Amino acid sequence: MSICIRPVTSLDDTLAAQLARLVPQLAPAAAVPTAEALRRVAAGPSTVLFVAFGGERAVGMLTLAWYDTPTGRKAWIEDVVVDASARGCGAGEALVREAVAHAARCGAGRVTLTSSPRREAARALYRKMGFEAVETTVFARKTES
């Protein structure tokens, strides 16, 4: 399968449905995103929604976000998922490579991501691509929204 990575800045209902279908493969307990939610990510001023296409079909996606702090611009990779039918074809690596290159063009000196220990193949890919585990703990708290 030939894989093409494209940044998506707007999406029609067909593409939105294809991307929404990928989310349960990443996080089965997560709510499936609406087309409007996906459109907000795609149109965001400090996010890029990268989509891996196998022909006309979306077979993977990744979101890159960046933000500025007093210590410099940071970039974060989120929600990397490749359809089960396309795994092993290089889509994940191509998505991450494109996101890292975009982060560099945006002036981020470092790209961070998290990956669940149960996602062994993804973690192996990240290590292969030069990502290293860092000495930190990520804290999270739900808001009242």
N, C-alpha and C. Protein backbone atom coordinates (compact mmCIF):
# COMPACT_ATOMS: atom_id res chain seq x y z
N MET A 1 0.84 -1.18 0.00
CA MET A 1 0.00 0.00 0.00
C MET A 1 0.89 1.24 0.00
N SER A 2 0.63 2.14 -0.89
CA SER A 2 1.34 3.41 -0.95
C SER A 2 0.67 4.39 0.00
N ILE A 3 1.47 5.04 0.85
CA ILE A 3 0.96 5.95 1.87
C ILE A 3 1.35 7.37 1.51
N CYS A 4 0.39 8.28 1.62
CA CYS A 4 0.61 9.70 1.38
C CYS A 4 0.16 10.45 2.63
N ILE A 5 1.02 11.33 3.16
CA ILE A 5 0.67 12.12 4.34
C ILE A 5 0.31 13.53 3.89
N ARG A 6 -0.84 14.00 4.35
CA ARG A 6 -1.26 15.36 4.01
C ARG A 6 -1.75 16.08 5.26
N PRO A 7 -1.38 17.35 5.42
CA PRO A 7 -1.99 18.15 6.47
C PRO A 7 -3.41 18.51 6.00
N VAL A 8 -4.37 18.35 6.86
CA VAL A 8 -5.76 18.62 6.51
C VAL A 8 -6.20 19.88 7.24
N THR A 9 -6.61 20.89 6.50
CA THR A 9 -7.07 22.14 7.12
C THR A 9 -8.58 22.28 7.09
N SER A 10 -9.23 21.50 6.27
CA SER A 10 -10.69 21.47 6.25
C SER A 10 -11.08 20.06 5.82
N LEU A 11 -12.26 19.63 6.24
CA LEU A 11 -12.65 18.28 5.86
C LEU A 11 -14.14 18.21 5.61
N ASP A 12 -14.48 17.37 4.65
CA ASP A 12 -15.88 17.14 4.35
C ASP A 12 -16.42 16.03 5.25
N ASP A 13 -17.70 15.74 5.12
CA ASP A 13 -18.32 14.73 5.99
C ASP A 13 -17.74 13.34 5.77
N THR A 14 -17.33 13.03 4.54
CA THR A 14 -16.77 11.70 4.26
C THR A 14 -15.45 11.51 4.99
N LEU A 15 -14.57 12.50 4.90
CA LEU A 15 -13.29 12.40 5.60
C LEU A 15 -13.50 12.42 7.11
N ALA A 16 -14.40 13.25 7.58
CA ALA A 16 -14.69 13.29 9.02
C ALA A 16 -15.14 11.92 9.51
N ALA A 17 -15.97 11.24 8.76
CA ALA A 17 -16.44 9.91 9.15
C ALA A 17 -15.28 8.90 9.15
N GLN A 18 -14.39 9.00 8.17
CA GLN A 18 -13.24 8.10 8.12
C GLN A 18 -12.33 8.31 9.34
N LEU A 19 -12.11 9.56 9.72
CA LEU A 19 -11.25 9.85 10.87
C LEU A 19 -11.92 9.44 12.17
N ALA A 20 -13.21 9.70 12.28
CA ALA A 20 -13.95 9.31 13.49
C ALA A 20 -13.89 7.80 13.70
N ARG A 21 -13.88 7.05 12.62
CA ARG A 21 -13.81 5.59 12.68
C ARG A 21 -12.48 5.11 13.26
N LEU A 22 -11.44 5.93 13.17
CA LEU A 22 -10.12 5.54 13.68
C LEU A 22 -10.02 5.68 15.20
N VAL A 23 -10.74 6.62 15.78
CA VAL A 23 -10.57 6.95 17.20
C VAL A 23 -10.80 5.75 18.12
N PRO A 24 -11.84 4.94 17.92
CA PRO A 24 -12.00 3.79 18.82
C PRO A 24 -10.83 2.80 18.78
N GLN A 25 -10.07 2.80 17.69
CA GLN A 25 -8.90 1.93 17.62
C GLN A 25 -7.76 2.47 18.49
N LEU A 26 -7.78 3.75 18.74
CA LEU A 26 -6.79 4.39 19.61
C LEU A 26 -7.22 4.29 21.07
N ALA A 27 -8.45 4.67 21.31
CA ALA A 27 -8.96 4.75 22.69
C ALA A 27 -10.41 4.28 22.69
N PRO A 28 -10.64 3.00 22.91
CA PRO A 28 -12.00 2.46 22.84
C PRO A 28 -13.01 3.15 23.76
N ALA A 29 -12.55 3.70 24.88
CA ALA A 29 -13.47 4.35 25.82
C ALA A 29 -13.73 5.81 25.48
N ALA A 30 -12.96 6.37 24.55
CA ALA A 30 -13.12 7.79 24.19
C ALA A 30 -14.38 7.99 23.36
N ALA A 31 -14.94 9.15 23.50
CA ALA A 31 -16.09 9.49 22.67
C ALA A 31 -15.63 9.67 21.23
N VAL A 32 -16.42 9.20 20.30
CA VAL A 32 -16.10 9.39 18.88
C VAL A 32 -16.28 10.88 18.56
N PRO A 33 -15.27 11.50 17.97
CA PRO A 33 -15.38 12.94 17.71
C PRO A 33 -16.42 13.25 16.64
N THR A 34 -17.09 14.36 16.83
CA THR A 34 -18.03 14.83 15.82
C THR A 34 -17.26 15.44 14.66
N ALA A 35 -17.94 15.60 13.55
CA ALA A 35 -17.32 16.26 12.39
C ALA A 35 -16.90 17.67 12.77
N GLU A 36 -17.71 18.35 13.56
CA GLU A 36 -17.39 19.72 13.98
C GLU A 36 -16.13 19.75 14.85
N ALA A 37 -15.98 18.80 15.75
CA ALA A 37 -14.78 18.75 16.59
C ALA A 37 -13.54 18.53 15.73
N LEU A 38 -13.62 17.64 14.76
CA LEU A 38 -12.50 17.39 13.86
C LEU A 38 -12.19 18.63 13.03
N ARG A 39 -13.22 19.35 12.61
CA ARG A 39 -13.01 20.58 11.82
C ARG A 39 -12.29 21.64 12.66
N ARG A 40 -12.61 21.72 13.95
CA ARG A 40 -11.93 22.69 14.83
C ARG A 40 -10.45 22.36 14.94
N VAL A 41 -10.11 21.10 15.08
CA VAL A 41 -8.70 20.70 15.16
C VAL A 41 -7.99 21.05 13.85
N ALA A 42 -8.62 20.71 12.74
CA ALA A 42 -8.01 20.95 11.43
C ALA A 42 -7.80 22.43 11.16
N ALA A 43 -8.67 23.27 11.66
CA ALA A 43 -8.59 24.71 11.38
C ALA A 43 -7.85 25.47 12.47
N GLY A 44 -7.39 24.80 13.50
CA GLY A 44 -6.76 25.48 14.63
C GLY A 44 -5.50 26.24 14.24
N PRO A 45 -5.26 27.38 14.88
CA PRO A 45 -4.09 28.19 14.55
C PRO A 45 -2.77 27.60 15.05
N SER A 46 -2.83 26.69 16.02
CA SER A 46 -1.59 26.11 16.54
C SER A 46 -1.68 24.58 16.59
N THR A 47 -2.42 24.03 15.64
CA THR A 47 -2.48 22.58 15.48
C THR A 47 -2.44 22.24 14.00
N VAL A 48 -1.93 21.05 13.71
CA VAL A 48 -2.01 20.50 12.37
C VAL A 48 -2.55 19.08 12.52
N LEU A 49 -3.55 18.77 11.74
CA LEU A 49 -4.10 17.42 11.68
C LEU A 49 -3.49 16.76 10.44
N PHE A 50 -2.57 15.84 10.68
CA PHE A 50 -1.95 15.10 9.58
C PHE A 50 -2.75 13.83 9.36
N VAL A 51 -3.02 13.52 8.11
CA VAL A 51 -3.77 12.32 7.75
C VAL A 51 -2.95 11.48 6.80
N ALA A 52 -2.91 10.19 7.09
CA ALA A 52 -2.25 9.22 6.20
C ALA A 52 -3.33 8.65 5.29
N PHE A 53 -3.09 8.74 4.00
CA PHE A 53 -4.03 8.21 3.01
C PHE A 53 -3.41 7.01 2.32
N GLY A 54 -4.20 5.96 2.18
CA GLY A 54 -3.88 4.82 1.35
C GLY A 54 -4.85 4.89 0.20
N GLY A 55 -4.43 5.47 -0.90
CA GLY A 55 -5.37 5.78 -1.98
C GLY A 55 -6.25 6.94 -1.54
N GLU A 56 -7.55 6.78 -1.66
CA GLU A 56 -8.50 7.82 -1.26
C GLU A 56 -8.98 7.66 0.18
N ARG A 57 -8.54 6.61 0.85
CA ARG A 57 -9.05 6.28 2.18
C ARG A 57 -8.07 6.74 3.26
N ALA A 58 -8.60 7.40 4.29
CA ALA A 58 -7.78 7.78 5.44
C ALA A 58 -7.48 6.52 6.24
N VAL A 59 -6.19 6.23 6.43
CA VAL A 59 -5.79 5.03 7.16
C VAL A 59 -5.05 5.37 8.45
N GLY A 60 -4.86 6.65 8.73
CA GLY A 60 -4.19 7.05 9.96
C GLY A 60 -4.27 8.55 10.16
N MET A 61 -4.01 8.96 11.39
CA MET A 61 -3.99 10.39 11.67
C MET A 61 -3.12 10.66 12.89
N LEU A 62 -2.75 11.92 13.03
CA LEU A 62 -1.93 12.41 14.12
C LEU A 62 -2.22 13.90 14.25
N THR A 63 -2.25 14.38 15.47
CA THR A 63 -2.39 15.82 15.70
C THR A 63 -1.10 16.34 16.29
N LEU A 64 -0.58 17.42 15.72
CA LEU A 64 0.56 18.13 16.27
C LEU A 64 0.05 19.46 16.81
N ALA A 65 0.40 19.76 18.05
CA ALA A 65 0.04 21.05 18.65
C ALA A 65 1.32 21.72 19.13
N TRP A 66 1.34 23.04 19.09
CA TRP A 66 2.48 23.77 19.61
C TRP A 66 2.01 24.99 20.37
N TYR A 67 2.86 25.43 21.30
CA TYR A 67 2.52 26.57 22.14
C TYR A 67 3.82 27.19 22.65
N ASP A 68 3.72 28.46 23.05
CA ASP A 68 4.89 29.19 23.53
C ASP A 68 4.85 29.31 25.04
N THR A 69 6.02 29.19 25.65
CA THR A 69 6.20 29.37 27.09
C THR A 69 7.42 30.26 27.29
N PRO A 70 7.65 30.73 28.50
CA PRO A 70 8.84 31.54 28.74
C PRO A 70 10.15 30.80 28.42
N THR A 71 10.11 29.47 28.41
CA THR A 71 11.33 28.72 28.12
C THR A 71 11.41 28.26 26.66
N GLY A 72 10.50 28.74 25.83
CA GLY A 72 10.58 28.43 24.41
C GLY A 72 9.33 27.75 23.87
N ARG A 73 9.33 27.57 22.59
CA ARG A 73 8.20 26.93 21.91
C ARG A 73 8.28 25.42 22.11
N LYS A 74 7.15 24.86 22.45
CA LYS A 74 7.03 23.42 22.67
C LYS A 74 6.09 22.83 21.62
N ALA A 75 6.30 21.58 21.29
CA ALA A 75 5.39 20.87 20.38
C ALA A 75 5.02 19.54 21.01
N TRP A 76 3.81 19.11 20.75
CA TRP A 76 3.28 17.90 21.36
C TRP A 76 2.53 17.11 20.30
N ILE A 77 2.82 15.82 20.23
CA ILE A 77 2.11 14.92 19.32
C ILE A 77 1.01 14.22 20.12
N GLU A 78 -0.18 14.21 19.56
CA GLU A 78 -1.34 13.59 20.22
C GLU A 78 -2.08 12.70 19.24
N ASP A 79 -2.80 11.74 19.79
CA ASP A 79 -3.78 10.94 19.06
C ASP A 79 -3.26 10.33 17.77
N VAL A 80 -2.14 9.62 17.89
CA VAL A 80 -1.58 8.91 16.74
C VAL A 80 -2.32 7.58 16.61
N VAL A 81 -2.89 7.34 15.46
CA VAL A 81 -3.59 6.07 15.24
C VAL A 81 -3.49 5.69 13.78
N VAL A 82 -3.27 4.40 13.56
CA VAL A 82 -3.26 3.83 12.21
C VAL A 82 -4.28 2.70 12.20
N ASP A 83 -5.11 2.67 11.18
CA ASP A 83 -6.12 1.63 11.05
C ASP A 83 -5.46 0.25 11.10
N ALA A 84 -6.12 -0.68 11.77
CA ALA A 84 -5.57 -2.04 11.92
C ALA A 84 -5.24 -2.66 10.56
N SER A 85 -6.01 -2.34 9.54
CA SER A 85 -5.78 -2.93 8.22
C SER A 85 -4.55 -2.36 7.52
N ALA A 86 -4.01 -1.25 8.04
CA ALA A 86 -2.88 -0.60 7.38
C ALA A 86 -1.61 -0.64 8.23
N ARG A 87 -1.66 -1.27 9.37
CA ARG A 87 -0.47 -1.32 10.23
C ARG A 87 0.63 -2.13 9.58
N GLY A 88 1.86 -1.66 9.77
CA GLY A 88 3.01 -2.33 9.17
C GLY A 88 3.35 -1.81 7.79
N CYS A 89 2.60 -0.85 7.29
CA CYS A 89 2.85 -0.29 5.96
C CYS A 89 3.65 1.02 6.00
N GLY A 90 4.04 1.46 7.19
CA GLY A 90 4.83 2.68 7.29
C GLY A 90 4.04 3.94 7.53
N ALA A 91 2.73 3.84 7.71
CA ALA A 91 1.91 5.03 7.91
C ALA A 91 2.25 5.75 9.21
N GLY A 92 2.41 4.99 10.29
CA GLY A 92 2.74 5.62 11.57
C GLY A 92 4.06 6.35 11.52
N GLU A 93 5.06 5.72 10.96
CA GLU A 93 6.38 6.36 10.85
C GLU A 93 6.30 7.60 9.98
N ALA A 94 5.58 7.53 8.88
CA ALA A 94 5.46 8.69 8.00
C ALA A 94 4.73 9.84 8.69
N LEU A 95 3.70 9.53 9.46
CA LEU A 95 2.97 10.57 10.20
C LEU A 95 3.89 11.26 11.20
N VAL A 96 4.61 10.47 11.99
CA VAL A 96 5.49 11.04 13.01
C VAL A 96 6.61 11.83 12.36
N ARG A 97 7.19 11.32 11.30
CA ARG A 97 8.27 12.04 10.61
C ARG A 97 7.77 13.41 10.13
N GLU A 98 6.59 13.45 9.55
CA GLU A 98 6.05 14.72 9.05
C GLU A 98 5.76 15.68 10.20
N ALA A 99 5.25 15.17 11.31
CA ALA A 99 4.96 16.02 12.47
C ALA A 99 6.25 16.61 13.05
N VAL A 100 7.29 15.81 13.17
CA VAL A 100 8.57 16.30 13.71
C VAL A 100 9.15 17.38 12.78
N ALA A 101 9.08 17.16 11.49
CA ALA A 101 9.59 18.15 10.54
C ALA A 101 8.80 19.45 10.64
N HIS A 102 7.49 19.35 10.78
CA HIS A 102 6.65 20.55 10.90
C HIS A 102 6.97 21.29 12.20
N ALA A 103 7.16 20.55 13.29
CA ALA A 103 7.51 21.18 14.58
C ALA A 103 8.81 21.96 14.45
N ALA A 104 9.78 21.39 13.76
CA ALA A 104 11.05 22.10 13.56
C ALA A 104 10.83 23.37 12.76
N ARG A 105 10.01 23.29 11.70
CA ARG A 105 9.73 24.49 10.89
C ARG A 105 9.01 25.56 11.71
N CYS A 106 8.24 25.15 12.71
CA CYS A 106 7.52 26.09 13.57
C CYS A 106 8.40 26.68 14.67
N GLY A 107 9.61 26.17 14.80
CA GLY A 107 10.53 26.70 15.79
C GLY A 107 10.54 25.96 17.12
N ALA A 108 9.89 24.82 17.18
CA ALA A 108 9.92 24.04 18.42
C ALA A 108 11.25 23.29 18.51
N GLY A 109 11.91 23.41 19.64
CA GLY A 109 13.19 22.74 19.81
C GLY A 109 13.06 21.29 20.23
N ARG A 110 11.86 20.90 20.60
CA ARG A 110 11.63 19.55 21.10
C ARG A 110 10.19 19.15 20.84
N VAL A 111 9.98 17.88 20.57
CA VAL A 111 8.64 17.33 20.38
C VAL A 111 8.43 16.27 21.46
N THR A 112 7.30 16.35 22.13
CA THR A 112 6.97 15.42 23.20
C THR A 112 5.72 14.64 22.83
N LEU A 113 5.65 13.41 23.34
CA LEU A 113 4.44 12.61 23.20
C LEU A 113 4.38 11.65 24.37
N THR A 114 3.23 11.08 24.59
CA THR A 114 3.09 10.02 25.58
C THR A 114 2.55 8.80 24.86
N SER A 115 2.82 7.64 25.43
CA SER A 115 2.33 6.40 24.84
C SER A 115 2.11 5.38 25.95
N SER A 116 0.95 4.80 25.95
CA SER A 116 0.60 3.81 26.95
C SER A 116 1.52 2.60 26.85
N PRO A 117 1.92 2.03 27.99
CA PRO A 117 2.77 0.83 27.95
C PRO A 117 2.15 -0.33 27.17
N ARG A 118 0.84 -0.37 27.07
CA ARG A 118 0.19 -1.47 26.33
C ARG A 118 0.37 -1.33 24.81
N ARG A 119 0.78 -0.16 24.35
CA ARG A 119 0.98 0.06 22.91
C ARG A 119 2.43 -0.22 22.55
N GLU A 120 2.81 -1.47 22.65
CA GLU A 120 4.21 -1.87 22.47
C GLU A 120 4.76 -1.53 21.10
N ALA A 121 3.99 -1.76 20.04
CA ALA A 121 4.48 -1.46 18.69
C ALA A 121 4.71 0.04 18.51
N ALA A 122 3.80 0.85 19.02
CA ALA A 122 3.95 2.30 18.91
C ALA A 122 5.19 2.77 19.67
N ARG A 123 5.39 2.24 20.86
CA ARG A 123 6.55 2.63 21.66
C ARG A 123 7.86 2.23 20.96
N ALA A 124 7.87 1.06 20.35
CA ALA A 124 9.06 0.64 19.60
C ALA A 124 9.31 1.59 18.43
N LEU A 125 8.25 2.00 17.75
CA LEU A 125 8.40 2.94 16.64
C LEU A 125 8.98 4.27 17.14
N TYR A 126 8.45 4.79 18.24
CA TYR A 126 8.95 6.07 18.75
C TYR A 126 10.43 5.98 19.13
N ARG A 127 10.82 4.89 19.77
CA ARG A 127 12.24 4.72 20.10
C ARG A 127 13.09 4.65 18.83
N LYS A 128 12.61 3.91 17.84
CA LYS A 128 13.33 3.79 16.56
C LYS A 128 13.52 5.16 15.90
N MET A 129 12.55 6.06 16.12
CA MET A 129 12.60 7.37 15.49
C MET A 129 13.33 8.41 16.34
N GLY A 130 13.98 7.97 17.42
CA GLY A 130 14.80 8.87 18.21
C GLY A 130 14.15 9.45 19.45
N PHE A 131 12.94 9.08 19.75
CA PHE A 131 12.30 9.55 20.97
C PHE A 131 12.88 8.75 22.14
N GLU A 132 13.05 9.43 23.26
CA GLU A 132 13.60 8.79 24.46
C GLU A 132 12.65 9.03 25.62
N ALA A 133 12.58 8.06 26.51
CA ALA A 133 11.81 8.25 27.74
C ALA A 133 12.50 9.32 28.57
N VAL A 134 11.73 10.20 29.17
CA VAL A 134 12.29 11.28 29.99
C VAL A 134 11.91 11.06 31.45
N GLU A 135 12.74 11.60 32.32
CA GLU A 135 12.50 11.49 33.76
C GLU A 135 11.48 12.54 34.17
N THR A 136 10.22 12.20 34.08
CA THR A 136 9.16 13.10 34.49
C THR A 136 7.92 12.28 34.80
N THR A 137 6.98 12.91 35.40
CA THR A 137 5.68 12.30 35.64
C THR A 137 4.65 13.24 35.06
N VAL A 138 3.75 12.72 34.30
CA VAL A 138 2.66 13.53 33.74
C VAL A 138 1.51 13.47 34.74
N PHE A 139 1.01 14.63 35.12
CA PHE A 139 -0.15 14.72 35.98
C PHE A 139 -1.33 15.17 35.13
N ALA A 140 -2.51 14.70 35.46
CA ALA A 140 -3.72 15.11 34.73
C ALA A 140 -4.83 15.31 35.74
N ARG A 141 -5.71 16.23 35.43
CA ARG A 141 -6.88 16.49 36.26
C ARG A 141 -8.03 16.87 35.36
N LYS A 142 -9.18 16.32 35.62
CA LYS A 142 -10.37 16.71 34.86
C LYS A 142 -10.82 18.09 35.31
N THR A 143 -11.39 18.82 34.38
CA THR A 143 -11.93 20.14 34.69
C THR A 143 -13.45 20.01 34.86
N GLU A 144 -14.07 21.11 35.15
CA GLU A 144 -15.52 21.11 35.37
C GLU A 144 -16.29 21.43 34.09
N SER A 145 -15.60 21.46 32.94
CA SER A 145 -16.29 21.83 31.70
C SER A 145 -17.21 20.74 31.21
